[in-house]
Structures are given as structure tokens and as C-alpha cells.
Amino acid sequence: MRLWVFNPLLTMGYTQTDAIGIYGFLLFVMSAAKTVAVVRSVVGFLMWQYRAVRIAKQLEVSRTSPRRAILSWFIPGVNLFKPSRECFCSPPRCALASCGASSGGSSR
């Protein structure tokens, strides 16, 4: 950023002290924007995971609670000592099977 901001400020007639001040302010603004973007991304991902695990639990595909799924990101050791083996214990139940839908070919 120094090359494409600092040197043009000097060529526009700003003193070196003013250019350093403007450069510092621009660095602060860009850092703040980056922090906001990262926080929103993390919150959005955690909301998506909570909803996905909640829906999977309602469909009886997952035994993990949504709360535990979110807390496992903040307590990494939980996944090492209490592994979730639901993917390997039994094949997932088809959501359409509970509605009486047939898994065969067409009815024509």
C-alpha cells in the first residue's frame, strides 16, 4: 500500500508529515474494514452451522446438538476426546422414507 498511496500523496503537494498522517489513517480504515469483514464471516459461518446441525437433528441424521457443534469450535479438545462417530455407526436415514416415498423407479 505504501507505493500506491504514499508516493502519490507526496506528488500532490502534501508534506511528508501530512502524507504519513494520511497513510496511517488509511491503514487504520482498511484494518477496521478487514476486522468487520472477518467478524461478520465468522458469525455467519457459526449461524449456518447451527442451522444445519439443527435441521440434521430434526431429520434424525445427527445426534449432535447444535449447541455442542458451535462450542466445539471454541473448545477444540472436545472433538479429540469425544469424537462424533455418527457418520460411521450407521448409514443415514433417508428423509423421504419417513414420508412413505418410494425409492424405486417411476410409477408409470
C-alpha atoms as a PDB file:
ATOM      1  CA  MET A   1       0.000   0.000   0.000  1.00  0.00           C
ATOM      2  CA  ARG A   2       2.919   2.303   0.628  1.00  0.00           C
ATOM      3  CA  LEU A   3       3.818   2.580  -3.036  1.00  0.00           C
ATOM      4  CA  TRP A   4       0.382   3.329  -4.410  1.00  0.00           C
ATOM      5  CA  VAL A   5      -0.710   5.720  -1.636  1.00  0.00           C
ATOM      6  CA  PHE A   6       2.315   7.364  -0.108  1.00  0.00           C
ATOM      7  CA  ASN A   7       4.182   8.452  -3.249  1.00  0.00           C
ATOM      8  CA  PRO A   8       1.098   9.961  -4.968  1.00  0.00           C
ATOM      9  CA  LEU A   9       0.394  11.960  -1.802  1.00  0.00           C
ATOM     10  CA  LEU A  10       3.882  13.419  -1.990  1.00  0.00           C
ATOM     11  CA  THR A  11       3.442  14.274  -5.682  1.00  0.00           C
ATOM     12  CA  MET A  12       0.124  16.020  -4.942  1.00  0.00           C
ATOM     13  CA  GLY A  13       1.976  18.515  -2.771  1.00  0.00           C
ATOM     14  CA  TYR A  14       1.466  17.119   0.730  1.00  0.00           C
ATOM     15  CA  THR A  15       4.400  17.391   3.070  1.00  0.00           C
ATOM     16  CA  GLN A  16       5.992  14.166   4.233  1.00  0.00           C
ATOM     17  CA  THR A  17       4.463  14.584   7.706  1.00  0.00           C
ATOM     18  CA  ASP A  18       0.954  15.076   6.266  1.00  0.00           C
ATOM     19  CA  ALA A  19       1.411  12.136   3.882  1.00  0.00           C
ATOM     20  CA  ILE A  20       2.464   9.905   6.781  1.00  0.00           C
ATOM     21  CA  GLY A  21      -0.629  11.003   8.734  1.00  0.00           C
ATOM     22  CA  ILE A  22      -2.961  10.295   5.808  1.00  0.00           C
ATOM     23  CA  TYR A  23      -1.203   6.978   5.165  1.00  0.00           C
ATOM     24  CA  GLY A  24      -1.659   5.989   8.820  1.00  0.00           C
ATOM     25  CA  PHE A  25      -5.333   6.907   8.739  1.00  0.00           C
ATOM     26  CA  LEU A  26      -5.884   4.856   5.571  1.00  0.00           C
ATOM     27  CA  LEU A  27      -4.150   1.867   7.184  1.00  0.00           C
ATOM     28  CA  PHE A  28      -6.479   2.216  10.186  1.00  0.00           C
ATOM     29  CA  VAL A  29      -9.586   2.371   7.971  1.00  0.00           C
ATOM     30  CA  MET A  30      -8.508  -0.681   5.978  1.00  0.00           C
ATOM     31  CA  SER A  31      -7.702  -2.635   9.170  1.00  0.00           C
ATOM     32  CA  ALA A  32     -11.097  -1.748  10.646  1.00  0.00           C
ATOM     33  CA  ALA A  33     -12.868  -2.839   7.448  1.00  0.00           C
ATOM     34  CA  LYS A  34     -10.936  -6.113   7.461  1.00  0.00           C
ATOM     35  CA  THR A  35     -11.835  -6.743  11.116  1.00  0.00           C
ATOM     36  CA  VAL A  36     -15.525  -6.120  10.434  1.00  0.00           C
ATOM     37  CA  ALA A  37     -15.435  -8.474   7.432  1.00  0.00           C
ATOM     38  CA  VAL A  38     -13.750 -11.254   9.425  1.00  0.00           C
ATOM     39  CA  VAL A  39     -16.158 -10.935  12.373  1.00  0.00           C
ATOM     40  CA  ARG A  40     -19.187 -10.992  10.054  1.00  0.00           C
ATOM     41  CA  SER A  41     -17.799 -14.032   8.245  1.00  0.00           C
ATOM     42  CA  VAL A  42     -17.226 -15.956  11.475  1.00  0.00           C
ATOM     43  CA  VAL A  43     -20.678 -15.078  12.827  1.00  0.00           C
ATOM     44  CA  GLY A  44     -22.297 -16.017   9.507  1.00  0.00           C
ATOM     45  CA  PHE A  45     -20.490 -19.364   9.414  1.00  0.00           C
ATOM     46  CA  LEU A  46     -21.460 -20.207  13.001  1.00  0.00           C
ATOM     47  CA  MET A  47     -25.102 -19.295  12.298  1.00  0.00           C
ATOM     48  CA  TRP A  48     -25.063 -21.508   9.194  1.00  0.00           C
ATOM     49  CA  GLN A  49     -23.563 -24.422  11.123  1.00  0.00           C
ATOM     50  CA  TYR A  50     -26.080 -24.050  13.960  1.00  0.00           C
ATOM     51  CA  ARG A  51     -28.989 -24.142  11.500  1.00  0.00           C
ATOM     52  CA  ALA A  52     -27.523 -27.058   9.548  1.00  0.00           C
ATOM     53  CA  VAL A  53     -26.999 -29.172  12.683  1.00  0.00           C
ATOM     54  CA  ARG A  54     -30.466 -28.247  13.976  1.00  0.00           C
ATOM     55  CA  ILE A  55     -32.066 -29.400  10.714  1.00  0.00           C
ATOM     56  CA  ALA A  56     -29.943 -32.575  10.677  1.00  0.00           C
ATOM     57  CA  LYS A  57     -31.073 -33.337  14.226  1.00  0.00           C
ATOM     58  CA  GLN A  58     -34.722 -32.801  13.270  1.00  0.00           C
ATOM     59  CA  LEU A  59     -34.278 -35.237  10.380  1.00  0.00           C
ATOM     60  CA  GLU A  60     -32.640 -37.677  12.820  1.00  0.00           C
ATOM     61  CA  VAL A  61     -29.457 -37.760  10.768  1.00  0.00           C
ATOM     62  CA  SER A  62     -27.282 -36.278  13.512  1.00  0.00           C
ATOM     63  CA  ARG A  63     -27.156 -36.902  17.240  1.00  0.00           C
ATOM     64  CA  THR A  64     -25.032 -33.843  17.955  1.00  0.00           C
ATOM     65  CA  SER A  65     -26.839 -30.879  19.462  1.00  0.00           C
ATOM     66  CA  PRO A  66     -26.479 -27.515  17.710  1.00  0.00           C
ATOM     67  CA  ARG A  67     -25.013 -26.048  20.893  1.00  0.00           C
ATOM     68  CA  ARG A  68     -22.312 -28.708  21.042  1.00  0.00           C
ATOM     69  CA  ALA A  69     -21.472 -28.198  17.377  1.00  0.00           C
ATOM     70  CA  ILE A  70     -20.874 -24.494  17.980  1.00  0.00           C
ATOM     71  CA  LEU A  71     -18.983 -24.969  21.239  1.00  0.00           C
ATOM     72  CA  SER A  72     -16.657 -27.474  19.579  1.00  0.00           C
ATOM     73  CA  TRP A  73     -15.140 -24.584  17.597  1.00  0.00           C
ATOM     74  CA  PHE A  74     -14.219 -22.791  20.812  1.00  0.00           C
ATOM     75  CA  ILE A  75     -13.110 -25.901  22.732  1.00  0.00           C
ATOM     76  CA  PRO A  76     -11.047 -27.881  20.195  1.00  0.00           C
ATOM     77  CA  GLY A  77     -10.182 -30.688  22.644  1.00  0.00           C
ATOM     78  CA  VAL A  78     -13.831 -31.754  22.762  1.00  0.00           C
ATOM     79  CA  ASN A  79     -13.532 -33.266  19.298  1.00  0.00           C
ATOM     80  CA  LEU A  80     -10.424 -35.222  20.323  1.00  0.00           C
ATOM     81  CA  PHE A  81     -11.819 -36.796  23.497  1.00  0.00           C
ATOM     82  CA  LYS A  82     -15.462 -37.249  22.490  1.00  0.00           C
ATOM     83  CA  PRO A  83     -15.370 -37.971  18.771  1.00  0.00           C
ATOM     84  CA  SER A  84     -18.617 -37.845  16.891  1.00  0.00           C
ATOM     85  CA  ARG A  85     -18.902 -41.278  15.294  1.00  0.00           C
ATOM     86  CA  GLU A  86     -22.364 -40.869  13.869  1.00  0.00           C
ATOM     87  CA  CYS A  87     -21.079 -40.942  10.298  1.00  0.00           C
ATOM     88  CA  PHE A  88     -19.616 -44.416  10.758  1.00  0.00           C
ATOM     89  CA  CYS A  89     -22.152 -46.105  13.045  1.00  0.00           C
ATOM     90  CA  SER A  90     -24.999 -46.490  10.608  1.00  0.00           C
ATOM     91  CA  PRO A  91     -25.954 -45.175   7.183  1.00  0.00           C
ATOM     92  CA  PRO A  92     -28.058 -42.013   7.307  1.00  0.00           C
ATOM     93  CA  ARG A  93     -31.790 -42.492   7.173  1.00  0.00           C
ATOM     94  CA  CYS A  94     -33.422 -41.154   4.052  1.00  0.00           C
ATOM     95  CA  ALA A  95     -35.680 -38.201   4.872  1.00  0.00           C
ATOM     96  CA  LEU A  96     -38.162 -39.273   2.193  1.00  0.00           C
ATOM     97  CA  ALA A  97     -38.535 -42.767   3.675  1.00  0.00           C
ATOM     98  CA  SER A  98     -40.419 -41.360   6.655  1.00  0.00           C
ATOM     99  CA  CYS A  99     -42.927 -39.720   4.290  1.00  0.00           C
ATOM    100  CA  GLY A 100     -43.732 -43.030   2.582  1.00  0.00           C
ATOM    101  CA  ALA A 101     -41.978 -42.077  -0.639  1.00  0.00           C
ATOM    102  CA  SER A 102     -40.782 -44.944  -2.745  1.00  0.00           C
ATOM    103  CA  SER A 103     -37.117 -45.238  -3.639  1.00  0.00           C
ATOM    104  CA  GLY A 104     -37.863 -47.320  -6.739  1.00  0.00           C
ATOM    105  CA  GLY A 105     -38.472 -46.221 -10.312  1.00  0.00           C
ATOM    106  CA  SER A 106     -41.315 -44.169 -11.634  1.00  0.00           C
ATOM    107  CA  SER A 107     -44.909 -45.202 -11.006  1.00  0.00           C
ATOM    108  CA  ARG A 108     -45.946 -45.069 -14.682  1.00  0.00           C
END
